[in-house]
């Protein structure tokens, strides 16, 4: 069995990453694991062969509004100062 298979998947972490526009340094990570994958698929247009959204996706203002609509604790997006990316990754059994 391959290590990176669905059978070995323990948990999937979903984040919005906030980077400073002026120096591209990471400022903050927001955990958005409460949003189901199917909902995220309706927000982001998946790249070819990325049905599970494991690539990194830029977040625009419209997508940010949709994301906040599914969060208990809203993210204070500031598109003047920051750039935002959606990213998710899995943890797998050894």
N, C-alpha and C. Protein backbone atom coordinates (compact mmCIF):
# COMPACT_ATOMS: atom_id res chain seq x y z
N UNK A 1 0.85 -1.20 0.00
CA UNK A 1 0.00 0.00 0.00
C UNK A 1 0.89 1.25 0.00
N UNK A 2 0.56 2.22 -0.83
CA UNK A 2 1.31 3.47 -0.90
C UNK A 2 1.07 4.30 0.35
N UNK A 3 2.12 4.98 0.82
CA UNK A 3 2.00 5.83 2.01
C UNK A 3 0.97 6.94 1.78
N UNK A 4 0.99 7.57 0.62
CA UNK A 4 0.12 8.71 0.36
C UNK A 4 -1.17 8.28 -0.34
N UNK A 5 -1.84 7.31 0.23
CA UNK A 5 -3.11 6.85 -0.31
C UNK A 5 -4.24 7.24 0.64
N UNK A 6 -5.45 7.24 0.13
CA UNK A 6 -6.61 7.60 0.94
C UNK A 6 -6.76 6.67 2.14
N UNK A 7 -6.33 5.42 1.98
CA UNK A 7 -6.42 4.45 3.08
C UNK A 7 -5.50 4.82 4.24
N UNK A 8 -4.41 5.53 3.95
CA UNK A 8 -3.45 5.92 4.99
C UNK A 8 -3.67 7.35 5.50
N UNK A 9 -4.65 8.03 4.99
CA UNK A 9 -4.91 9.41 5.39
C UNK A 9 -5.48 9.45 6.80
N UNK A 10 -4.87 10.23 7.67
CA UNK A 10 -5.33 10.38 9.06
C UNK A 10 -6.20 11.62 9.19
N UNK A 11 -5.70 12.75 8.70
CA UNK A 11 -6.42 14.02 8.83
C UNK A 11 -5.99 14.96 7.71
N UNK A 12 -6.88 15.86 7.33
CA UNK A 12 -6.58 16.90 6.34
C UNK A 12 -6.64 18.25 7.03
N UNK A 13 -5.59 19.02 6.86
CA UNK A 13 -5.53 20.38 7.43
C UNK A 13 -5.85 21.37 6.32
N UNK A 14 -6.72 22.33 6.61
CA UNK A 14 -7.11 23.35 5.63
C UNK A 14 -6.80 24.71 6.24
N UNK A 15 -6.12 25.55 5.47
CA UNK A 15 -5.67 26.85 5.96
C UNK A 15 -5.87 27.94 4.92
N UNK A 16 -6.03 29.15 5.42
CA UNK A 16 -5.86 30.36 4.62
C UNK A 16 -4.56 30.98 5.11
N UNK A 17 -3.63 31.19 4.18
CA UNK A 17 -2.34 31.79 4.52
C UNK A 17 -2.37 33.26 4.14
N UNK A 18 -1.89 34.10 5.03
CA UNK A 18 -1.87 35.55 4.83
C UNK A 18 -0.42 36.02 4.70
N UNK A 19 -0.08 36.59 3.54
CA UNK A 19 1.27 37.07 3.27
C UNK A 19 1.27 38.58 3.08
N UNK A 20 2.30 39.25 3.62
CA UNK A 20 2.47 40.67 3.37
C UNK A 20 2.73 40.88 1.87
N UNK A 21 2.07 41.86 1.27
CA UNK A 21 2.29 42.16 -0.15
C UNK A 21 3.68 42.73 -0.39
N UNK A 22 4.19 43.54 0.54
CA UNK A 22 5.44 44.25 0.30
C UNK A 22 6.69 43.37 0.38
N UNK A 23 6.66 42.30 1.18
CA UNK A 23 7.85 41.45 1.27
C UNK A 23 7.57 39.96 1.14
N UNK A 24 6.32 39.60 0.93
CA UNK A 24 5.88 38.21 0.72
C UNK A 24 6.15 37.30 1.91
N UNK A 25 6.34 37.85 3.10
CA UNK A 25 6.52 37.04 4.30
C UNK A 25 5.16 36.60 4.83
N UNK A 26 5.15 35.38 5.36
CA UNK A 26 3.93 34.87 5.97
C UNK A 26 3.63 35.66 7.23
N UNK A 27 2.42 36.15 7.34
CA UNK A 27 2.00 36.89 8.53
C UNK A 27 1.20 36.00 9.49
N UNK A 28 0.29 35.21 8.91
CA UNK A 28 -0.64 34.45 9.77
C UNK A 28 -1.25 33.30 8.98
N UNK A 29 -1.66 32.27 9.72
CA UNK A 29 -2.41 31.15 9.15
C UNK A 29 -3.75 31.07 9.85
N UNK A 30 -4.80 30.91 9.08
CA UNK A 30 -6.14 30.71 9.63
C UNK A 30 -6.56 29.28 9.35
N UNK A 31 -6.99 28.57 10.36
CA UNK A 31 -7.46 27.20 10.20
C UNK A 31 -8.93 27.24 9.77
N UNK A 32 -9.22 26.57 8.66
CA UNK A 32 -10.60 26.57 8.16
C UNK A 32 -11.10 25.13 7.94
N UNK A 33 -10.64 24.23 8.78
CA UNK A 33 -10.98 22.82 8.65
C UNK A 33 -12.48 22.57 8.75
N UNK A 34 -13.22 23.50 9.35
CA UNK A 34 -14.67 23.33 9.49
C UNK A 34 -15.42 23.41 8.16
N UNK A 35 -14.76 23.90 7.11
CA UNK A 35 -15.42 23.99 5.80
C UNK A 35 -15.20 22.68 5.05
N UNK A 36 -16.27 21.98 4.68
CA UNK A 36 -16.14 20.71 3.96
C UNK A 36 -15.51 20.88 2.58
N UNK A 37 -14.86 19.84 2.11
CA UNK A 37 -14.21 19.86 0.80
C UNK A 37 -15.19 20.22 -0.31
N UNK A 38 -16.38 19.66 -0.27
CA UNK A 38 -17.36 19.95 -1.33
C UNK A 38 -17.70 21.44 -1.38
N UNK A 39 -17.76 22.09 -0.24
CA UNK A 39 -18.01 23.53 -0.21
C UNK A 39 -16.83 24.29 -0.80
N UNK A 40 -15.62 23.88 -0.44
CA UNK A 40 -14.43 24.53 -0.98
C UNK A 40 -14.34 24.35 -2.50
N UNK A 41 -14.78 23.21 -2.99
CA UNK A 41 -14.79 22.99 -4.44
C UNK A 41 -15.76 23.93 -5.15
N UNK A 42 -16.78 24.38 -4.44
CA UNK A 42 -17.71 25.34 -5.04
C UNK A 42 -17.16 26.77 -4.99
N UNK A 43 -16.14 26.99 -4.18
CA UNK A 43 -15.52 28.32 -4.05
C UNK A 43 -14.32 28.46 -4.99
N UNK A 44 -13.50 27.41 -5.08
CA UNK A 44 -12.29 27.44 -5.90
C UNK A 44 -12.47 26.59 -7.15
N UNK A 45 -11.90 27.04 -8.24
CA UNK A 45 -11.92 26.29 -9.48
C UNK A 45 -10.67 25.41 -9.50
N UNK A 46 -10.85 24.12 -9.31
CA UNK A 46 -9.72 23.19 -9.20
C UNK A 46 -8.93 23.11 -10.50
N UNK A 47 -7.62 23.02 -10.35
CA UNK A 47 -6.74 22.78 -11.49
C UNK A 47 -6.95 21.34 -11.97
N UNK A 48 -6.59 21.09 -13.20
CA UNK A 48 -6.70 19.74 -13.76
C UNK A 48 -5.93 18.76 -12.87
N UNK A 49 -6.52 17.61 -12.60
CA UNK A 49 -5.94 16.55 -11.78
C UNK A 49 -5.75 16.95 -10.32
N UNK A 50 -6.50 17.93 -9.83
CA UNK A 50 -6.44 18.33 -8.42
C UNK A 50 -7.84 18.33 -7.82
N UNK A 51 -8.53 17.23 -7.95
CA UNK A 51 -9.91 17.12 -7.47
C UNK A 51 -10.04 17.32 -5.96
N UNK A 52 -8.96 17.06 -5.23
CA UNK A 52 -9.01 17.18 -3.76
C UNK A 52 -8.47 18.53 -3.27
N UNK A 53 -8.11 19.41 -4.19
CA UNK A 53 -7.63 20.78 -3.88
C UNK A 53 -6.35 20.78 -3.03
N UNK A 54 -5.38 19.96 -3.40
CA UNK A 54 -4.11 19.95 -2.66
C UNK A 54 -3.10 20.97 -3.18
N UNK A 55 -3.38 21.59 -4.32
CA UNK A 55 -2.52 22.68 -4.78
C UNK A 55 -2.89 23.95 -4.00
N UNK A 56 -2.05 24.94 -4.09
CA UNK A 56 -2.32 26.23 -3.44
C UNK A 56 -3.15 27.10 -4.38
N UNK A 57 -4.15 27.78 -3.84
CA UNK A 57 -5.05 28.63 -4.64
C UNK A 57 -5.10 30.03 -4.06
N UNK A 58 -4.97 31.02 -4.95
CA UNK A 58 -5.11 32.42 -4.55
C UNK A 58 -6.55 32.67 -4.13
N UNK A 59 -6.73 33.49 -3.09
CA UNK A 59 -8.07 33.85 -2.62
C UNK A 59 -8.35 35.29 -3.04
N UNK A 60 -9.44 35.50 -3.77
CA UNK A 60 -9.83 36.87 -4.13
C UNK A 60 -10.93 37.35 -3.18
N UNK A 61 -11.38 38.58 -3.35
CA UNK A 61 -12.35 39.15 -2.41
C UNK A 61 -13.69 38.43 -2.44
N UNK A 62 -14.13 38.00 -3.59
CA UNK A 62 -15.38 37.27 -3.70
C UNK A 62 -15.28 35.92 -2.98
N UNK A 63 -14.17 35.23 -3.17
CA UNK A 63 -13.96 33.94 -2.50
C UNK A 63 -13.84 34.14 -0.99
N UNK A 64 -13.20 35.23 -0.58
CA UNK A 64 -13.05 35.52 0.85
C UNK A 64 -14.42 35.68 1.51
N UNK A 65 -15.32 36.35 0.84
CA UNK A 65 -16.68 36.54 1.35
C UNK A 65 -17.39 35.19 1.50
N UNK A 66 -17.23 34.33 0.51
CA UNK A 66 -17.85 33.00 0.56
C UNK A 66 -17.24 32.15 1.68
N UNK A 67 -15.93 32.22 1.84
CA UNK A 67 -15.26 31.49 2.93
C UNK A 67 -15.81 31.95 4.27
N UNK A 68 -15.87 33.25 4.48
CA UNK A 68 -16.38 33.78 5.76
C UNK A 68 -17.82 33.37 6.02
N UNK A 69 -18.58 33.15 4.97
CA UNK A 69 -19.96 32.71 5.13
C UNK A 69 -20.08 31.32 5.73
N UNK A 70 -18.98 30.58 5.76
CA UNK A 70 -18.98 29.21 6.30
C UNK A 70 -18.17 29.08 7.58
N UNK A 71 -17.68 30.19 8.12
CA UNK A 71 -16.86 30.15 9.33
C UNK A 71 -17.59 30.72 10.53
N UNK A 72 -17.40 30.08 11.67
CA UNK A 72 -17.95 30.61 12.92
C UNK A 72 -17.20 31.88 13.31
N UNK A 73 -15.87 31.82 13.25
CA UNK A 73 -15.03 32.98 13.52
C UNK A 73 -14.54 33.51 12.18
N UNK A 74 -15.01 34.68 11.82
CA UNK A 74 -14.71 35.27 10.51
C UNK A 74 -13.25 35.73 10.42
N UNK A 75 -12.72 35.71 9.22
CA UNK A 75 -11.38 36.22 8.95
C UNK A 75 -11.51 37.68 8.53
N UNK A 76 -10.68 38.54 9.12
CA UNK A 76 -10.66 39.96 8.73
C UNK A 76 -9.69 40.13 7.57
N UNK A 77 -10.17 39.86 6.37
CA UNK A 77 -9.33 39.99 5.19
C UNK A 77 -9.00 41.46 4.95
N UNK A 78 -7.73 41.74 4.63
CA UNK A 78 -7.28 43.10 4.31
C UNK A 78 -6.48 43.01 3.01
N UNK A 79 -7.18 43.13 1.88
CA UNK A 79 -6.55 42.96 0.58
C UNK A 79 -5.66 44.14 0.19
N UNK A 80 -5.71 45.24 0.93
CA UNK A 80 -4.81 46.36 0.68
C UNK A 80 -3.38 46.00 1.11
N UNK A 81 -3.28 45.26 2.20
CA UNK A 81 -1.99 44.97 2.83
C UNK A 81 -1.48 43.54 2.58
N UNK A 82 -2.41 42.61 2.38
CA UNK A 82 -2.03 41.20 2.32
C UNK A 82 -2.54 40.49 1.06
N UNK A 83 -1.88 39.38 0.74
CA UNK A 83 -2.35 38.43 -0.26
C UNK A 83 -2.73 37.16 0.49
N UNK A 84 -3.73 36.44 -0.02
CA UNK A 84 -4.24 35.26 0.67
C UNK A 84 -4.23 34.05 -0.24
N UNK A 85 -3.95 32.91 0.36
CA UNK A 85 -3.92 31.64 -0.37
C UNK A 85 -4.60 30.56 0.45
N UNK A 86 -5.35 29.72 -0.25
CA UNK A 86 -5.93 28.53 0.37
C UNK A 86 -4.96 27.39 0.14
N UNK A 87 -4.72 26.63 1.20
CA UNK A 87 -3.85 25.47 1.08
C UNK A 87 -4.34 24.38 2.02
N UNK A 88 -4.26 23.15 1.57
CA UNK A 88 -4.58 22.04 2.45
C UNK A 88 -3.57 20.93 2.23
N UNK A 89 -3.36 20.16 3.26
CA UNK A 89 -2.43 19.03 3.17
C UNK A 89 -2.89 17.95 4.12
N UNK A 90 -2.48 16.73 3.86
CA UNK A 90 -2.88 15.59 4.68
C UNK A 90 -1.76 15.07 5.53
N UNK A 91 -2.14 14.42 6.63
CA UNK A 91 -1.21 13.65 7.45
C UNK A 91 -1.53 12.19 7.22
N UNK A 92 -0.49 11.39 7.04
CA UNK A 92 -0.67 9.98 6.68
C UNK A 92 0.01 9.06 7.68
N UNK A 93 -0.53 7.86 7.82
CA UNK A 93 0.10 6.82 8.63
C UNK A 93 1.45 6.48 8.02
N UNK A 94 2.35 6.06 8.86
CA UNK A 94 3.68 5.62 8.38
C UNK A 94 3.58 4.28 7.70
